[in-house]
PDB file of all heavy atoms in Angstrom:
ATOM      1  N   ARG A   1       0.841  -1.180   0.000  1.00  0.00           N
ATOM      2  CA  ARG A   1       0.000   0.000   0.000  1.00  0.00           C
ATOM      3  C   ARG A   1       0.887   1.244   0.000  1.00  0.00           C
ATOM      4  O   ARG A   1       1.949   1.274   0.626  1.00  0.00           O
ATOM      5  CB  ARG A   1      -0.905   0.018   1.229  1.00  0.00           C
ATOM      6  CG  ARG A   1      -1.943  -1.084   1.258  1.00  0.00           C
ATOM      7  CD  ARG A   1      -3.110  -0.811   0.333  1.00  0.00           C
ATOM      8  NE  ARG A   1      -3.855   0.397   0.731  1.00  0.00           N
ATOM      9  CZ  ARG A   1      -4.874   0.904   0.033  1.00  0.00           C
ATOM     10  NH1 ARG A   1      -5.262   0.328  -1.100  1.00  0.00           N
ATOM     11  NH2 ARG A   1      -5.494   1.982   0.451  1.00  0.00           N
ATOM     12  N   THR A   2       0.491   2.276  -0.735  1.00  0.00           N
ATOM     13  CA  THR A   2       1.265   3.505  -0.790  1.00  0.00           C
ATOM     14  C   THR A   2       1.457   4.066   0.620  1.00  0.00           C
ATOM     15  O   THR A   2       0.507   4.171   1.395  1.00  0.00           O
ATOM     16  CB  THR A   2       0.555   4.531  -1.683  1.00  0.00           C
ATOM     17  OG1 THR A   2       0.505   4.000  -3.011  1.00  0.00           O
ATOM     18  CG2 THR A   2       1.310   5.854  -1.711  1.00  0.00           C
ATOM     19  N   GLY A   3       2.714   4.368   0.942  1.00  0.00           N
ATOM     20  CA  GLY A   3       3.037   4.865   2.270  1.00  0.00           C
ATOM     21  C   GLY A   3       3.502   3.796   3.225  1.00  0.00           C
ATOM     22  O   GLY A   3       4.033   4.106   4.296  1.00  0.00           O
ATOM     23  N   SER A   4       3.314   2.526   2.854  1.00  0.00           N
ATOM     24  CA  SER A   4       3.761   1.410   3.676  1.00  0.00           C
ATOM     25  C   SER A   4       5.073   0.856   3.123  1.00  0.00           C
ATOM     26  O   SER A   4       5.402   1.084   1.956  1.00  0.00           O
ATOM     27  CB  SER A   4       2.707   0.303   3.717  1.00  0.00           C
ATOM     28  OG  SER A   4       1.517   0.762   4.326  1.00  0.00           O
ATOM     29  N   PRO A   5       5.817   0.103   3.921  1.00  0.00           N
ATOM     30  CA  PRO A   5       7.101  -0.414   3.448  1.00  0.00           C
ATOM     31  C   PRO A   5       6.931  -1.385   2.278  1.00  0.00           C
ATOM     32  O   PRO A   5       5.936  -2.109   2.188  1.00  0.00           O
ATOM     33  CB  PRO A   5       7.665  -1.152   4.676  1.00  0.00           C
ATOM     34  CG  PRO A   5       6.917  -0.601   5.842  1.00  0.00           C
ATOM     35  CD  PRO A   5       5.562  -0.230   5.339  1.00  0.00           C
ATOM     36  N   ALA A   6       7.920  -1.398   1.376  1.00  0.00           N
ATOM     37  CA  ALA A   6       7.951  -2.404   0.321  1.00  0.00           C
ATOM     38  C   ALA A   6       8.070  -3.778   0.959  1.00  0.00           C
ATOM     39  O   ALA A   6       8.571  -3.923   2.075  1.00  0.00           O
ATOM     40  CB  ALA A   6       9.128  -2.140  -0.620  1.00  0.00           C
ATOM     41  N   THR A   7       7.574  -4.794   0.262  1.00  0.00           N
ATOM     42  CA  THR A   7       7.519  -6.135   0.839  1.00  0.00           C
ATOM     43  C   THR A   7       8.594  -7.037   0.241  1.00  0.00           C
ATOM     44  O   THR A   7       8.893  -6.965  -0.950  1.00  0.00           O
ATOM     45  CB  THR A   7       6.132  -6.763   0.623  1.00  0.00           C
ATOM     46  OG1 THR A   7       5.818  -6.748  -0.782  1.00  0.00           O
ATOM     47  CG2 THR A   7       5.069  -5.979   1.376  1.00  0.00           C
ATOM     48  N   SER A   8       9.134  -7.919   1.084  1.00  0.00           N
ATOM     49  CA  SER A   8      10.181  -8.833   0.633  1.00  0.00           C
ATOM     50  C   SER A   8       9.721 -10.284   0.646  1.00  0.00           C
ATOM     51  O   SER A   8      10.491 -11.177   0.307  1.00  0.00           O
ATOM     52  CB  SER A   8      11.434  -8.672   1.499  1.00  0.00           C
ATOM     53  OG  SER A   8      11.126  -8.904   2.859  1.00  0.00           O
ATOM     54  N   THR A   9       8.456 -10.539   1.028  1.00  0.00           N
ATOM     55  CA  THR A   9       7.884 -11.887   0.944  1.00  0.00           C
ATOM     56  C   THR A   9       6.458 -11.784   0.417  1.00  0.00           C
ATOM     57  O   THR A   9       5.802 -10.736   0.535  1.00  0.00           O
ATOM     58  CB  THR A   9       7.853 -12.601   2.308  1.00  0.00           C
ATOM     59  OG1 THR A   9       6.907 -11.946   3.163  1.00  0.00           O
ATOM     60  CG2 THR A   9       9.225 -12.610   2.968  1.00  0.00           C
ATOM     61  N   ALA A  10       5.966 -12.896  -0.127  1.00  0.00           N
ATOM     62  CA  ALA A  10       4.584 -12.933  -0.611  1.00  0.00           C
ATOM     63  C   ALA A  10       3.603 -12.767   0.549  1.00  0.00           C
ATOM     64  O   ALA A  10       2.555 -12.132   0.403  1.00  0.00           O
ATOM     65  CB  ALA A  10       4.327 -14.243  -1.345  1.00  0.00           C
ATOM     66  N   ALA A  11       3.950 -13.323   1.710  1.00  0.00           N
ATOM     67  CA  ALA A  11       3.067 -13.204   2.870  1.00  0.00           C
ATOM     68  C   ALA A  11       2.928 -11.755   3.309  1.00  0.00           C
ATOM     69  O   ALA A  11       1.827 -11.292   3.659  1.00  0.00           O
ATOM     70  CB  ALA A  11       3.589 -14.061   4.018  1.00  0.00           C
ATOM     71  N   ASP A  12       4.026 -11.007   3.282  1.00  0.00           N
ATOM     72  CA  ASP A  12       3.963  -9.582   3.623  1.00  0.00           C
ATOM     73  C   ASP A  12       3.074  -8.832   2.634  1.00  0.00           C
ATOM     74  O   ASP A  12       2.287  -7.967   3.014  1.00  0.00           O
ATOM     75  CB  ASP A  12       5.364  -8.974   3.604  1.00  0.00           C
ATOM     76  CG  ASP A  12       6.227  -9.439   4.765  1.00  0.00           C
ATOM     77  OD1 ASP A  12       5.668  -9.973   5.744  1.00  0.00           O
ATOM     78  OD2 ASP A  12       7.464  -9.281   4.679  1.00  0.00           O
ATOM     79  N   ALA A  13       3.204  -9.165   1.354  1.00  0.00           N
ATOM     80  CA  ALA A  13       2.378  -8.520   0.337  1.00  0.00           C
ATOM     81  C   ALA A  13       0.907  -8.843   0.550  1.00  0.00           C
ATOM     82  O   ALA A  13       0.033  -7.963   0.440  1.00  0.00           O
ATOM     83  CB  ALA A  13       2.823  -8.954  -1.058  1.00  0.00           C
ATOM     84  N   ALA A  14       0.605 -10.109   0.877  1.00  0.00           N
ATOM     85  CA  ALA A  14      -0.780 -10.523   1.093  1.00  0.00           C
ATOM     86  C   ALA A  14      -1.391  -9.793   2.289  1.00  0.00           C
ATOM     87  O   ALA A  14      -2.584  -9.443   2.286  1.00  0.00           O
ATOM     88  CB  ALA A  14      -0.853 -12.027   1.302  1.00  0.00           C
ATOM     89  N   GLU A  15      -0.583  -9.535   3.297  1.00  0.00           N
ATOM     90  CA  GLU A  15      -1.072  -8.841   4.482  1.00  0.00           C
ATOM     91  C   GLU A  15      -1.508  -7.418   4.128  1.00  0.00           C
ATOM     92  O   GLU A  15      -2.479  -6.906   4.682  1.00  0.00           O
ATOM     93  CB  GLU A  15       0.024  -8.808   5.550  1.00  0.00           C
ATOM     94  CG  GLU A  15      -0.446  -8.264   6.889  1.00  0.00           C
ATOM     95  CD  GLU A  15       0.597  -8.429   7.971  1.00  0.00           C
ATOM     96  OE1 GLU A  15       1.367  -9.408   7.911  1.00  0.00           O
ATOM     97  OE2 GLU A  15       0.638  -7.569   8.862  1.00  0.00           O
ATOM     98  N   GLN A  16      -0.799  -6.795   3.190  1.00  0.00           N
ATOM     99  CA  GLN A  16      -1.135  -5.419   2.804  1.00  0.00           C
ATOM    100  C   GLN A  16      -2.218  -5.345   1.735  1.00  0.00           C
ATOM    101  O   GLN A  16      -3.043  -4.432   1.748  1.00  0.00           O
ATOM    102  CB  GLN A  16       0.121  -4.695   2.309  1.00  0.00           C
ATOM    103  CG  GLN A  16       1.157  -4.426   3.385  1.00  0.00           C
ATOM    104  CD  GLN A  16       2.169  -3.389   2.943  1.00  0.00           C
ATOM    105  OE1 GLN A  16       1.834  -2.405   2.291  1.00  0.00           O
ATOM    106  NE2 GLN A  16       3.433  -3.614   3.297  1.00  0.00           N
ATOM    107  N   LEU A  17      -2.220  -6.289   0.796  1.00  0.00           N
ATOM    108  CA  LEU A  17      -3.069  -6.165  -0.396  1.00  0.00           C
ATOM    109  C   LEU A  17      -4.280  -7.090  -0.388  1.00  0.00           C
ATOM    110  O   LEU A  17      -5.255  -6.824  -1.092  1.00  0.00           O
ATOM    111  CB  LEU A  17      -2.226  -6.420  -1.651  1.00  0.00           C
ATOM    112  CG  LEU A  17      -1.060  -5.437  -1.850  1.00  0.00           C
ATOM    113  CD1 LEU A  17      -0.138  -5.914  -2.956  1.00  0.00           C
ATOM    114  CD2 LEU A  17      -1.578  -4.033  -2.142  1.00  0.00           C
ATOM    115  N   GLY A  18      -4.228  -8.182   0.355  1.00  0.00           N
ATOM    116  CA  GLY A  18      -5.377  -9.048   0.567  1.00  0.00           C
ATOM    117  C   GLY A  18      -6.057  -9.530  -0.699  1.00  0.00           C
ATOM    118  O   GLY A  18      -5.406  -9.943  -1.664  1.00  0.00           O
ATOM    119  N   ASP A  19      -7.394  -9.447  -0.700  1.00  0.00           N
ATOM    120  CA  ASP A  19      -8.192  -9.992  -1.799  1.00  0.00           C
ATOM    121  C   ASP A  19      -8.161  -9.146  -3.064  1.00  0.00           C
ATOM    122  O   ASP A  19      -8.772  -9.526  -4.071  1.00  0.00           O
ATOM    123  CB  ASP A  19      -9.647 -10.158  -1.349  1.00  0.00           C
ATOM    124  CG  ASP A  19      -9.793 -11.234  -0.283  1.00  0.00           C
ATOM    125  OD1 ASP A  19      -8.923 -12.121  -0.220  1.00  0.00           O
ATOM    126  OD2 ASP A  19     -10.779 -11.183   0.488  1.00  0.00           O
ATOM    127  N   ALA A  20      -7.470  -8.007  -3.048  1.00  0.00           N
ATOM    128  CA  ALA A  20      -7.359  -7.193  -4.262  1.00  0.00           C
ATOM    129  C   ALA A  20      -6.526  -7.905  -5.327  1.00  0.00           C
ATOM    130  O   ALA A  20      -6.604  -7.572  -6.511  1.00  0.00           O
ATOM    131  CB  ALA A  20      -6.747  -5.832  -3.944  1.00  0.00           C
ATOM    132  N   VAL A  21      -5.758  -8.899  -4.892  1.00  0.00           N
ATOM    133  CA  VAL A  21      -4.867  -9.628  -5.793  1.00  0.00           C
ATOM    134  C   VAL A  21      -5.404 -11.028  -6.015  1.00  0.00           C
ATOM    135  O   VAL A  21      -5.784 -11.725  -5.064  1.00  0.00           O
ATOM    136  CB  VAL A  21      -3.439  -9.690  -5.212  1.00  0.00           C
ATOM    137  CG1 VAL A  21      -2.541 -10.609  -6.023  1.00  0.00           C
ATOM    138  CG2 VAL A  21      -2.844  -8.281  -5.136  1.00  0.00           C
ATOM    139  N   ALA A  22      -5.429 -11.457  -7.296  1.00  0.00           N
ATOM    140  CA  ALA A  22      -5.987 -12.768  -7.627  1.00  0.00           C
ATOM    141  C   ALA A  22      -5.023 -13.907  -7.315  1.00  0.00           C
ATOM    142  O   ALA A  22      -5.438 -14.964  -6.840  1.00  0.00           O
ATOM    143  CB  ALA A  22      -6.379 -12.808  -9.107  1.00  0.00           C
ATOM    144  N   VAL A  23      -3.734 -13.720  -7.608  1.00  0.00           N
ATOM    145  CA  VAL A  23      -2.747 -14.790  -7.431  1.00  0.00           C
ATOM    146  C   VAL A  23      -1.481 -14.213  -6.792  1.00  0.00           C
ATOM    147  O   VAL A  23      -0.950 -13.196  -7.260  1.00  0.00           O
ATOM    148  CB  VAL A  23      -2.382 -15.454  -8.784  1.00  0.00           C
ATOM    149  CG1 VAL A  23      -1.241 -16.451  -8.613  1.00  0.00           C
ATOM    150  CG2 VAL A  23      -3.596 -16.149  -9.380  1.00  0.00           C
ATOM    151  N   TYR A  24      -1.034 -14.881  -5.739  1.00  0.00           N
ATOM    152  CA  TYR A  24       0.236 -14.538  -5.094  1.00  0.00           C
ATOM    153  C   TYR A  24       1.261 -15.608  -5.426  1.00  0.00           C
ATOM    154  O   TYR A  24       1.096 -16.769  -5.044  1.00  0.00           O
ATOM    155  CB  TYR A  24       0.068 -14.455  -3.573  1.00  0.00           C
ATOM    156  CG  TYR A  24      -0.664 -13.227  -3.091  1.00  0.00           C
ATOM    157  CD1 TYR A  24      -2.060 -13.214  -3.031  1.00  0.00           C
ATOM    158  CD2 TYR A  24       0.025 -12.081  -2.691  1.00  0.00           C
ATOM    159  CE1 TYR A  24      -2.739 -12.092  -2.585  1.00  0.00           C
ATOM    160  CE2 TYR A  24      -0.653 -10.956  -2.238  1.00  0.00           C
ATOM    161  CZ  TYR A  24      -2.024 -10.972  -2.181  1.00  0.00           C
ATOM    162  OH  TYR A  24      -2.705  -9.853  -1.744  1.00  0.00           O
ATOM    163  N   LEU A  25       2.325 -15.222  -6.114  1.00  0.00           N
ATOM    164  CA  LEU A  25       3.423 -16.141  -6.406  1.00  0.00           C
ATOM    165  C   LEU A  25       4.456 -16.019  -5.288  1.00  0.00           C
ATOM    166  O   LEU A  25       5.022 -14.939  -5.066  1.00  0.00           O
ATOM    167  CB  LEU A  25       4.069 -15.804  -7.752  1.00  0.00           C
ATOM    168  CG  LEU A  25       3.203 -15.993  -8.996  1.00  0.00           C
ATOM    169  CD1 LEU A  25       3.980 -15.602 -10.247  1.00  0.00           C
ATOM    170  CD2 LEU A  25       2.705 -17.429  -9.107  1.00  0.00           C
ATOM    171  N   ASP A  26       4.691 -17.121  -4.611  1.00  0.00           N
ATOM    172  CA  ASP A  26       5.610 -17.133  -3.483  1.00  0.00           C
ATOM    173  C   ASP A  26       6.968 -17.659  -3.936  1.00  0.00           C
ATOM    174  O   ASP A  26       7.153 -18.852  -4.132  1.00  0.00           O
ATOM    175  CB  ASP A  26       5.044 -18.011  -2.361  1.00  0.00           C
ATOM    176  CG  ASP A  26       5.916 -18.023  -1.122  1.00  0.00           C
ATOM    177  OD1 ASP A  26       6.941 -17.302  -1.111  1.00  0.00           O
ATOM    178  OD2 ASP A  26       5.579 -18.738  -0.164  1.00  0.00           O
ATOM    179  N   GLY A  27       7.905 -16.742  -4.098  1.00  0.00           N
ATOM    180  CA  GLY A  27       9.250 -17.125  -4.489  1.00  0.00           C
ATOM    181  C   GLY A  27      10.236 -17.087  -3.343  1.00  0.00           C
ATOM    182  O   GLY A  27      11.446 -17.066  -3.577  1.00  0.00           O
ATOM    183  N   GLY A  28       9.722 -17.064  -2.104  1.00  0.00           N
ATOM    184  CA  GLY A  28      10.596 -16.953  -0.954  1.00  0.00           C
ATOM    185  C   GLY A  28      11.015 -15.515  -0.726  1.00  0.00           C
ATOM    186  O   GLY A  28      10.420 -14.572  -1.268  1.00  0.00           O
ATOM    187  N   GLN A  29      12.020 -15.328   0.077  1.00  0.00           N
ATOM    188  CA  GLN A  29      12.524 -13.993   0.399  1.00  0.00           C
ATOM    189  C   GLN A  29      13.084 -13.330  -0.854  1.00  0.00           C
ATOM    190  O   GLN A  29      13.886 -13.916  -1.578  1.00  0.00           O
ATOM    191  CB  GLN A  29      13.620 -14.097   1.455  1.00  0.00           C
ATOM    192  CG  GLN A  29      14.213 -12.774   1.904  1.00  0.00           C
ATOM    193  CD  GLN A  29      13.376 -12.071   2.949  1.00  0.00           C
ATOM    194  OE1 GLN A  29      12.581 -12.700   3.633  1.00  0.00           O
ATOM    195  NE2 GLN A  29      13.548 -10.772   3.078  1.00  0.00           N
ATOM    196  N   ALA A  30      12.653 -12.088  -1.127  1.00  0.00           N
ATOM    197  CA  ALA A  30      13.234 -11.340  -2.246  1.00  0.00           C
ATOM    198  C   ALA A  30      14.708 -11.110  -1.952  1.00  0.00           C
ATOM    199  O   ALA A  30      15.063 -10.611  -0.877  1.00  0.00           O
ATOM    200  CB  ALA A  30      12.510 -10.012  -2.436  1.00  0.00           C
ATOM    201  N   PRO A  31      15.590 -11.445  -2.880  1.00  0.00           N
ATOM    202  CA  PRO A  31      17.026 -11.422  -2.574  1.00  0.00           C
ATOM    203  C   PRO A  31      17.606 -10.028  -2.380  1.00  0.00           C
ATOM    204  O   PRO A  31      18.567  -9.850  -1.642  1.00  0.00           O
ATOM    205  CB  PRO A  31      17.655 -12.121  -3.780  1.00  0.00           C
ATOM    206  CG  PRO A  31      16.666 -11.978  -4.882  1.00  0.00           C
ATOM    207  CD  PRO A  31      15.313 -11.982  -4.219  1.00  0.00           C
ATOM    208  N   GLY A  32      16.996  -9.019  -3.044  1.00  0.00           N
ATOM    209  CA  GLY A  32      17.580  -7.680  -2.976  1.00  0.00           C
ATOM    210  C   GLY A  32      17.124  -6.893  -1.771  1.00  0.00           C
ATOM    211  O   GLY A  32      17.920  -6.437  -0.951  1.00  0.00           O
ATOM    212  N   GLY A  33      15.811  -6.729  -1.646  1.00  0.00           N
ATOM    213  CA  GLY A  33      15.254  -5.976  -0.540  1.00  0.00           C
ATOM    214  C   GLY A  33      15.340  -4.475  -0.706  1.00  0.00           C
ATOM    215  O   GLY A  33      14.857  -3.719   0.145  1.00  0.00           O
ATOM    216  N   VAL A  34      15.936  -4.008  -1.785  1.00  0.00           N
ATOM    217  CA  VAL A  34      16.068  -2.578  -2.066  1.00  0.00           C
ATOM    218  C   VAL A  34      15.457  -2.316  -3.432  1.00  0.00           C
ATOM    219  O   VAL A  34      15.694  -3.066  -4.380  1.00  0.00           O
ATOM    220  CB  VAL A  34      17.554  -2.135  -2.066  1.00  0.00           C
ATOM    221  CG1 VAL A  34      17.676  -0.666  -2.403  1.00  0.00           C
ATOM    222  CG2 VAL A  34      18.197  -2.432  -0.721  1.00  0.00           C
ATOM    223  N   ALA A  35      14.662  -1.263  -3.537  1.00  0.00           N
ATOM    224  CA  ALA A  35      14.016  -0.929  -4.805  1.00  0.00           C
ATOM    225  C   ALA A  35      15.056  -0.604  -5.878  1.00  0.00           C
ATOM    226  O   ALA A  35      16.214  -0.283  -5.580  1.00  0.00           O
ATOM    227  CB  ALA A  35      13.075   0.248  -4.609  1.00  0.00           C
ATOM    228  N   SER A  36      14.630  -0.680  -7.138  1.00  0.00           N
ATOM    229  CA  SER A  36      15.544  -0.418  -8.246  1.00  0.00           C
ATOM    230  C   SER A  36      15.956   1.052  -8.284  1.00  0.00           C
ATOM    231  O   SER A  36      15.252   1.943  -7.813  1.00  0.00           O
ATOM    232  CB  SER A  36      14.886  -0.796  -9.573  1.00  0.00           C
ATOM    233  OG  SER A  36      13.778   0.041  -9.836  1.00  0.00           O
ATOM    234  N   THR A  37      17.124   1.290  -8.848  1.00  0.00           N
ATOM    235  CA  THR A  37      17.561   2.644  -9.176  1.00  0.00           C
ATOM    236  C   THR A  37      16.798   3.095 -10.419  1.00  0.00           C
ATOM    237  O   THR A  37      16.597   2.313 -11.347  1.00  0.00           O
ATOM    238  CB  THR A  37      19.074   2.657  -9.444  1.00  0.00           C
ATOM    239  OG1 THR A  37      19.742   2.288  -8.232  1.00  0.00           O
ATOM    240  CG2 THR A  37      19.551   4.010  -9.908  1.00  0.00           C
ATOM    241  N   ILE A  38      16.377   4.355 -10.433  1.00  0.00           N
ATOM    242  CA  ILE A  38      15.644   4.893 -11.582  1.00  0.00           C
ATOM    243  C   ILE A  38      16.484   5.980 -12.253  1.00  0.00           C
ATOM    244  O   ILE A  38      16.960   6.910 -11.591  1.00  0.00           O
ATOM    245  CB  ILE A  38      14.279   5.466 -11.178  1.00  0.00           C
ATOM    246  CG1 ILE A  38      13.418   4.388 -10.509  1.00  0.00           C
ATOM    247  CG2 ILE A  38      13.553   6.032 -12.404  1.00  0.00           C
ATOM    248  CD1 ILE A  38      12.060   4.893 -10.036  1.00  0.00           C
ATOM    249  N   VAL A  39      16.639   5.846 -13.580  1.00  0.00           N
ATOM    250  CA  VAL A  39      17.356   6.828 -14.386  1.00  0.00           C
ATOM    251  C   VAL A  39      16.396   7.412 -15.411  1.00  0.00           C
ATOM    252  O   VAL A  39      15.682   6.675 -16.106  1.00  0.00           O
ATOM    253  CB  VAL A  39      18.557   6.176 -15.096  1.00  0.00           C
ATOM    254  CG1 VAL A  39      19.152   7.125 -16.139  1.00  0.00           C
ATOM    255  CG2 VAL A  39      19.612   5.767 -14.085  1.00  0.00           C
ATOM    256  N   ASP A  40      16.362   8.737 -15.498  1.00  0.00           N
ATOM    257  CA  ASP A  40      15.526   9.433 -16.482  1.00  0.00           C
ATOM    258  C   ASP A  40      16.338   9.661 -17.748  1.00  0.00           C
ATOM    259  O   ASP A  40      17.382  10.332 -17.716  1.00  0.00           O
ATOM    260  CB  ASP A  40      15.055  10.770 -15.900  1.00  0.00           C
ATOM    261  CG  ASP A  40      14.072  11.500 -16.805  1.00  0.00           C
ATOM    262  OD1 ASP A  40      13.836  11.032 -17.950  1.00  0.00           O
ATOM    263  OD2 ASP A  40      13.536  12.535 -16.392  1.00  0.00           O
ATOM    264  N   ALA A  41      15.848   9.099 -18.860  1.00  0.00           N
ATOM    265  CA  ALA A  41      16.544   9.231 -20.146  1.00  0.00           C
ATOM    266  C   ALA A  41      15.769  10.093 -21.117  1.00  0.00           C
ATOM    267  O   ALA A  41      15.979  10.015 -22.328  1.00  0.00           O
ATOM    268  CB  ALA A  41      16.785   7.852 -20.746  1.00  0.00           C
ATOM    269  N   THR A  42      14.845  10.926 -20.619  1.00  0.00           N
ATOM    270  CA  THR A  42      14.009  11.731 -21.508  1.00  0.00           C
ATOM    271  C   THR A  42      14.561  13.131 -21.736  1.00  0.00           C
ATOM    272  O   THR A  42      14.030  13.871 -22.550  1.00  0.00           O
ATOM    273  CB  THR A  42      12.580  11.843 -20.952  1.00  0.00           C
ATOM    274  OG1 THR A  42      12.606  12.529 -19.689  1.00  0.00           O
ATOM    275  CG2 THR A  42      11.958  10.468 -20.769  1.00  0.00           C
ATOM    276  N   ALA A  43      15.614  13.499 -21.007  1.00  0.00           N
ATOM    277  CA  ALA A  43      16.253  14.802 -21.174  1.00  0.00           C
ATOM    278  C   ALA A  43      17.561  14.618 -21.928  1.00  0.00           C
ATOM    279  O   ALA A  43      18.008  13.491 -22.156  1.00  0.00           O
ATOM    280  CB  ALA A  43      16.491  15.448 -19.806  1.00  0.00           C
ATOM    281  N   PRO A  44      18.218  15.728 -22.333  1.00  0.00           N
ATOM    282  CA  PRO A  44      19.472  15.585 -23.078  1.00  0.00           C
ATOM    283  C   PRO A  44      20.559  14.829 -22.316  1.00  0.00           C
ATOM    284  O   PRO A  44      21.410  14.173 -22.925  1.00  0.00           O
ATOM    285  CB  PRO A  44      19.892  17.041 -23.322  1.00  0.00           C
ATOM    286  CG  PRO A  44      18.603  17.809 -23.328  1.00  0.00           C
ATOM    287  CD  PRO A  44      17.737  17.129 -22.316  1.00  0.00           C
TER     288      PRO A  44
END
């Protein structure tokens, strides 16, 4: 949910998002735990 911490397990995601999601794929602990770096390539 916006404003809540990013999730590193499917169970954590299910706790926040519940029935809004049709299928939860459980791949175990997310190995990174840190969001991606974002680069803007739309400027010169």
